[in-house]
Amino acid sequence: QVQLVESGGGLVQPGESLRLSCAASGFTFSTNVMGWYRQAPGKEREWVASITSSGDLRNYRDSVKGRFTISRDNAKNTVYLQMNTLKPEDTAVYYCNTYYNGRGVWGQGTQVTVSS
């Protein structure tokens, strides 16, 4: 079964860091583009970052550029999101995403709360 499982979220103060992990299974991870999305309370889910299958190209939404880094370890079937200098506006449930057989695949999400 195709599955994505996020972990690493938590409660941090502004300026602190977290690293999210997404463990993938059930598909050929090394050939898939992977992405991170987030959804804040009362708001639509928004794209955060994506990474190509080999990791050659990484893209970020403007608000996280310079602070977040997406990476992947194909040997471990895992994609990461290193989040530095976190801000309250980064508070959201963060979801891992890919596409399999033309369908979007989502994890269950991990909560990130940035608050003083």
N, C-alpha and C. Protein backbone atom coordinates (compact mmCIF):
# COMPACT_ATOMS: atom_id res chain seq x y z
N GLN A 1 0.84 -1.18 0.00
CA GLN A 1 0.00 0.00 0.00
C GLN A 1 0.88 1.24 0.00
N VAL A 2 0.54 2.19 -0.84
CA VAL A 2 1.27 3.45 -0.89
C VAL A 2 0.99 4.23 0.38
N GLN A 3 2.05 4.67 1.02
CA GLN A 3 1.87 5.34 2.29
C GLN A 3 2.97 6.37 2.52
N LEU A 4 2.57 7.50 3.10
CA LEU A 4 3.49 8.53 3.54
C LEU A 4 3.20 8.81 5.00
N VAL A 5 4.24 8.84 5.81
CA VAL A 5 4.07 9.06 7.24
C VAL A 5 5.00 10.17 7.68
N GLU A 6 4.41 11.28 8.10
CA GLU A 6 5.18 12.43 8.56
C GLU A 6 5.47 12.33 10.04
N SER A 7 6.58 12.93 10.44
CA SER A 7 6.94 13.00 11.84
C SER A 7 7.86 14.19 12.05
N GLY A 8 8.08 14.53 13.30
CA GLY A 8 9.03 15.58 13.64
C GLY A 8 8.43 16.90 14.05
N GLY A 9 7.12 17.04 13.96
CA GLY A 9 6.50 18.28 14.36
C GLY A 9 6.54 18.47 15.86
N GLY A 10 6.18 19.66 16.28
CA GLY A 10 6.17 19.95 17.70
C GLY A 10 5.91 21.41 17.97
N LEU A 11 6.08 21.78 19.22
CA LEU A 11 5.90 23.15 19.66
C LEU A 11 7.26 23.80 19.87
N VAL A 12 7.49 24.90 19.18
CA VAL A 12 8.76 25.62 19.31
C VAL A 12 8.49 27.10 19.42
N GLN A 13 9.47 27.82 19.91
CA GLN A 13 9.38 29.27 19.98
C GLN A 13 9.87 29.90 18.69
N PRO A 14 9.44 31.11 18.39
CA PRO A 14 9.94 31.78 17.19
C PRO A 14 11.46 31.82 17.16
N GLY A 15 12.02 31.57 15.99
CA GLY A 15 13.45 31.56 15.81
C GLY A 15 14.08 30.19 15.96
N GLU A 16 13.36 29.25 16.50
CA GLU A 16 13.88 27.90 16.67
C GLU A 16 13.70 27.08 15.40
N SER A 17 14.16 25.85 15.44
CA SER A 17 14.17 25.00 14.26
C SER A 17 13.51 23.65 14.52
N LEU A 18 13.04 23.06 13.46
CA LEU A 18 12.52 21.70 13.47
C LEU A 18 12.92 21.02 12.18
N ARG A 19 13.05 19.72 12.23
CA ARG A 19 13.23 18.94 11.02
C ARG A 19 12.11 17.92 10.91
N LEU A 20 11.34 18.03 9.85
CA LEU A 20 10.28 17.10 9.59
C LEU A 20 10.79 15.97 8.70
N SER A 21 10.25 14.80 8.92
CA SER A 21 10.58 13.65 8.10
C SER A 21 9.32 13.06 7.51
N CYS A 22 9.46 12.48 6.35
CA CYS A 22 8.36 11.79 5.70
C CYS A 22 8.88 10.46 5.19
N ALA A 23 8.41 9.40 5.79
CA ALA A 23 8.81 8.05 5.39
C ALA A 23 7.82 7.52 4.36
N ALA A 24 8.34 7.10 3.23
CA ALA A 24 7.51 6.64 2.12
C ALA A 24 7.64 5.14 1.93
N SER A 25 6.56 4.55 1.50
CA SER A 25 6.57 3.12 1.21
C SER A 25 5.50 2.80 0.18
N GLY A 26 5.67 1.68 -0.50
CA GLY A 26 4.67 1.21 -1.44
C GLY A 26 4.83 1.69 -2.87
N PHE A 27 5.88 2.43 -3.15
CA PHE A 27 6.16 2.88 -4.51
C PHE A 27 7.64 3.11 -4.67
N THR A 28 8.06 3.35 -5.91
CA THR A 28 9.47 3.56 -6.17
C THR A 28 9.81 5.01 -5.83
N PHE A 29 10.19 5.21 -4.61
CA PHE A 29 10.42 6.54 -4.08
C PHE A 29 11.43 7.33 -4.89
N SER A 30 12.48 6.67 -5.33
CA SER A 30 13.59 7.36 -5.99
C SER A 30 13.21 7.98 -7.33
N THR A 31 12.07 7.62 -7.90
CA THR A 31 11.63 8.18 -9.18
C THR A 31 10.59 9.27 -9.02
N ASN A 32 10.17 9.56 -7.82
CA ASN A 32 9.06 10.48 -7.59
C ASN A 32 9.50 11.85 -7.11
N VAL A 33 8.85 12.85 -7.67
CA VAL A 33 8.94 14.19 -7.09
C VAL A 33 8.20 14.16 -5.76
N MET A 34 8.76 14.79 -4.76
CA MET A 34 8.15 14.85 -3.44
C MET A 34 7.92 16.30 -3.05
N GLY A 35 6.93 16.51 -2.24
CA GLY A 35 6.63 17.87 -1.81
C GLY A 35 6.16 17.93 -0.38
N TRP A 36 6.24 19.12 0.15
CA TRP A 36 5.67 19.43 1.45
C TRP A 36 4.61 20.50 1.29
N TYR A 37 3.49 20.30 1.96
CA TYR A 37 2.41 21.26 2.01
C TYR A 37 2.08 21.54 3.47
N ARG A 38 1.33 22.58 3.69
CA ARG A 38 0.90 22.87 5.05
C ARG A 38 -0.49 23.49 5.03
N GLN A 39 -1.18 23.33 6.13
CA GLN A 39 -2.51 23.88 6.26
C GLN A 39 -2.68 24.46 7.66
N ALA A 40 -2.88 25.75 7.71
CA ALA A 40 -3.13 26.44 8.96
C ALA A 40 -4.62 26.41 9.26
N PRO A 41 -4.99 26.57 10.53
CA PRO A 41 -6.41 26.55 10.88
C PRO A 41 -7.21 27.59 10.11
N GLY A 42 -8.30 27.16 9.52
CA GLY A 42 -9.17 28.06 8.78
C GLY A 42 -8.67 28.47 7.42
N LYS A 43 -7.56 27.92 6.98
CA LYS A 43 -7.00 28.28 5.69
C LYS A 43 -6.85 27.07 4.79
N GLU A 44 -6.70 27.34 3.51
CA GLU A 44 -6.50 26.27 2.55
C GLU A 44 -5.10 25.71 2.64
N ARG A 45 -4.97 24.47 2.23
CA ARG A 45 -3.66 23.85 2.17
C ARG A 45 -2.81 24.55 1.12
N GLU A 46 -1.56 24.82 1.45
CA GLU A 46 -0.68 25.52 0.54
C GLU A 46 0.63 24.77 0.35
N TRP A 47 1.16 24.87 -0.83
CA TRP A 47 2.43 24.26 -1.15
C TRP A 47 3.57 24.98 -0.45
N VAL A 48 4.51 24.22 0.05
CA VAL A 48 5.66 24.77 0.75
C VAL A 48 6.95 24.58 -0.03
N ALA A 49 7.21 23.34 -0.44
CA ALA A 49 8.46 23.03 -1.10
C ALA A 49 8.33 21.74 -1.90
N SER A 50 9.17 21.57 -2.88
CA SER A 50 9.21 20.34 -3.65
C SER A 50 10.63 20.02 -4.05
N ILE A 51 10.85 18.76 -4.37
CA ILE A 51 12.17 18.30 -4.73
C ILE A 51 12.05 17.23 -5.80
N THR A 52 12.90 17.30 -6.80
CA THR A 52 12.88 16.32 -7.87
C THR A 52 13.41 14.99 -7.38
N SER A 53 13.27 13.97 -8.23
CA SER A 53 13.59 12.61 -7.80
C SER A 53 15.03 12.43 -7.35
N SER A 54 15.94 13.10 -8.04
CA SER A 54 17.35 12.99 -7.69
C SER A 54 17.80 14.04 -6.69
N GLY A 55 16.95 15.01 -6.43
CA GLY A 55 17.31 16.11 -5.56
C GLY A 55 18.03 17.24 -6.26
N ASP A 56 18.12 17.19 -7.58
CA ASP A 56 18.84 18.20 -8.33
C ASP A 56 18.18 19.57 -8.27
N LEU A 57 16.86 19.59 -8.19
CA LEU A 57 16.12 20.84 -8.21
C LEU A 57 15.18 20.90 -7.02
N ARG A 58 15.26 22.01 -6.32
CA ARG A 58 14.39 22.24 -5.17
C ARG A 58 13.71 23.58 -5.32
N ASN A 59 12.44 23.62 -4.98
CA ASN A 59 11.67 24.85 -5.09
C ASN A 59 10.93 25.12 -3.80
N TYR A 60 10.73 26.41 -3.51
CA TYR A 60 10.11 26.82 -2.26
C TYR A 60 9.14 27.97 -2.50
N ARG A 61 8.13 28.05 -1.67
CA ARG A 61 7.30 29.22 -1.71
C ARG A 61 8.10 30.39 -1.16
N ASP A 62 7.76 31.59 -1.57
CA ASP A 62 8.57 32.75 -1.24
C ASP A 62 8.75 32.96 0.26
N SER A 63 7.72 32.69 1.02
CA SER A 63 7.76 33.00 2.44
C SER A 63 8.71 32.12 3.24
N VAL A 64 9.17 31.02 2.66
CA VAL A 64 10.09 30.14 3.38
C VAL A 64 11.47 30.08 2.76
N LYS A 65 11.68 30.75 1.66
CA LYS A 65 12.98 30.75 1.01
C LYS A 65 14.05 31.30 1.96
N GLY A 66 15.16 30.60 2.01
CA GLY A 66 16.24 31.00 2.89
C GLY A 66 16.12 30.47 4.30
N ARG A 67 14.95 29.94 4.65
CA ARG A 67 14.73 29.40 5.99
C ARG A 67 14.51 27.89 5.98
N PHE A 68 13.82 27.41 4.98
CA PHE A 68 13.50 25.98 4.89
C PHE A 68 14.36 25.31 3.83
N THR A 69 14.69 24.07 4.07
CA THR A 69 15.44 23.27 3.11
C THR A 69 14.79 21.90 2.97
N ILE A 70 14.39 21.57 1.76
CA ILE A 70 13.86 20.24 1.49
C ILE A 70 15.00 19.36 0.99
N SER A 71 15.02 18.14 1.42
CA SER A 71 16.04 17.20 0.99
C SER A 71 15.46 15.80 0.98
N ARG A 72 16.19 14.88 0.40
CA ARG A 72 15.71 13.50 0.37
C ARG A 72 16.87 12.54 0.46
N ASP A 73 16.58 11.39 1.00
CA ASP A 73 17.52 10.30 1.06
C ASP A 73 16.84 9.12 0.40
N ASN A 74 17.16 8.90 -0.86
CA ASN A 74 16.47 7.85 -1.60
C ASN A 74 16.79 6.46 -1.07
N ALA A 75 17.94 6.30 -0.47
CA ALA A 75 18.29 5.01 0.11
C ALA A 75 17.41 4.69 1.32
N LYS A 76 16.88 5.72 1.96
CA LYS A 76 16.03 5.54 3.12
C LYS A 76 14.56 5.80 2.83
N ASN A 77 14.24 6.09 1.58
CA ASN A 77 12.86 6.40 1.19
C ASN A 77 12.25 7.48 2.07
N THR A 78 13.02 8.52 2.29
CA THR A 78 12.61 9.57 3.21
C THR A 78 12.88 10.94 2.62
N VAL A 79 11.93 11.83 2.80
CA VAL A 79 12.11 13.23 2.44
C VAL A 79 12.04 14.05 3.72
N TYR A 80 12.83 15.11 3.76
CA TYR A 80 12.94 15.93 4.96
C TYR A 80 12.59 17.38 4.65
N LEU A 81 12.19 18.07 5.68
CA LEU A 81 12.03 19.51 5.60
C LEU A 81 12.69 20.11 6.83
N GLN A 82 13.86 20.70 6.62
CA GLN A 82 14.53 21.41 7.69
C GLN A 82 13.97 22.82 7.75
N MET A 83 13.43 23.19 8.88
CA MET A 83 12.79 24.48 9.05
C MET A 83 13.56 25.27 10.10
N ASN A 84 14.20 26.32 9.65
CA ASN A 84 14.96 27.19 10.54
C ASN A 84 14.27 28.53 10.69
N THR A 85 14.65 29.24 11.73
CA THR A 85 14.11 30.56 11.99
C THR A 85 12.59 30.57 11.86
N LEU A 86 11.98 29.65 12.55
CA LEU A 86 10.53 29.50 12.45
C LEU A 86 9.80 30.73 12.97
N LYS A 87 8.69 31.02 12.32
CA LYS A 87 7.86 32.15 12.66
C LYS A 87 6.46 31.68 13.03
N PRO A 88 5.73 32.46 13.79
CA PRO A 88 4.36 32.07 14.14
C PRO A 88 3.51 31.74 12.92
N GLU A 89 3.72 32.44 11.83
CA GLU A 89 2.94 32.19 10.63
C GLU A 89 3.27 30.86 9.96
N ASP A 90 4.30 30.18 10.44
CA ASP A 90 4.60 28.84 9.96
C ASP A 90 3.75 27.77 10.64
N THR A 91 3.01 28.17 11.65
CA THR A 91 2.16 27.23 12.37
C THR A 91 1.14 26.60 11.43
N ALA A 92 1.14 25.29 11.38
CA ALA A 92 0.25 24.56 10.48
C ALA A 92 0.46 23.07 10.68
N VAL A 93 -0.43 22.31 10.10
CA VAL A 93 -0.18 20.89 9.92
C VAL A 93 0.58 20.72 8.62
N TYR A 94 1.69 20.05 8.68
CA TYR A 94 2.54 19.86 7.52
C TYR A 94 2.33 18.46 6.95
N TYR A 95 2.14 18.41 5.63
CA TYR A 95 1.85 17.17 4.94
C TYR A 95 2.90 16.88 3.89
N CYS A 96 3.25 15.64 3.79
CA CYS A 96 4.10 15.15 2.72
C CYS A 96 3.21 14.75 1.54
N ASN A 97 3.72 14.90 0.33
CA ASN A 97 2.91 14.64 -0.85
C ASN A 97 3.73 14.08 -1.99
N THR A 98 3.11 13.22 -2.76
CA THR A 98 3.66 12.77 -4.03
C THR A 98 2.51 12.38 -4.94
N TYR A 99 2.86 11.88 -6.11
CA TYR A 99 1.84 11.38 -7.04
C TYR A 99 2.14 9.93 -7.38
N TYR A 100 1.10 9.14 -7.41
CA TYR A 100 1.22 7.73 -7.71
C TYR A 100 0.04 7.33 -8.59
N ASN A 101 0.35 6.77 -9.75
CA ASN A 101 -0.68 6.39 -10.72
C ASN A 101 -1.64 7.55 -11.01
N GLY A 102 -1.08 8.73 -11.15
CA GLY A 102 -1.86 9.90 -11.50
C GLY A 102 -2.67 10.50 -10.37
N ARG A 103 -2.52 10.00 -9.17
CA ARG A 103 -3.28 10.47 -8.03
C ARG A 103 -2.36 11.06 -6.97
N GLY A 104 -2.84 12.09 -6.34
CA GLY A 104 -2.10 12.65 -5.23
C GLY A 104 -2.12 11.73 -4.03
N VAL A 105 -1.00 11.62 -3.38
CA VAL A 105 -0.87 10.81 -2.17
C VAL A 105 -0.44 11.72 -1.03
N TRP A 106 -1.12 11.62 0.07
CA TRP A 106 -0.87 12.48 1.22
C TRP A 106 -0.64 11.67 2.48
N GLY A 107 0.21 12.18 3.33
CA GLY A 107 0.35 11.60 4.65
C GLY A 107 -0.71 12.14 5.58
N GLN A 108 -0.64 11.74 6.83
CA GLN A 108 -1.62 12.18 7.82
C GLN A 108 -1.29 13.54 8.40
N GLY A 109 -0.07 13.99 8.22
CA GLY A 109 0.32 15.30 8.68
C GLY A 109 0.99 15.28 10.05
N THR A 110 1.78 16.30 10.29
CA THR A 110 2.41 16.49 11.59
C THR A 110 2.27 17.96 11.98
N GLN A 111 1.87 18.20 13.20
CA GLN A 111 1.58 19.55 13.65
C GLN A 111 2.85 20.30 14.01
N VAL A 112 2.97 21.49 13.47
CA VAL A 112 4.04 22.41 13.83
C VAL A 112 3.39 23.65 14.42
N THR A 113 3.76 23.96 15.64
CA THR A 113 3.24 25.14 16.32
C THR A 113 4.40 26.02 16.74
N VAL A 114 4.38 27.26 16.29
CA VAL A 114 5.43 28.23 16.61
C VAL A 114 4.79 29.33 17.45
N SER A 115 5.15 29.37 18.70
CA SER A 115 4.52 30.31 19.61
C SER A 115 5.46 30.64 20.76
N SER A 116 5.39 31.87 21.20
CA SER A 116 6.16 32.29 22.36
C SER A 116 5.39 32.10 23.65
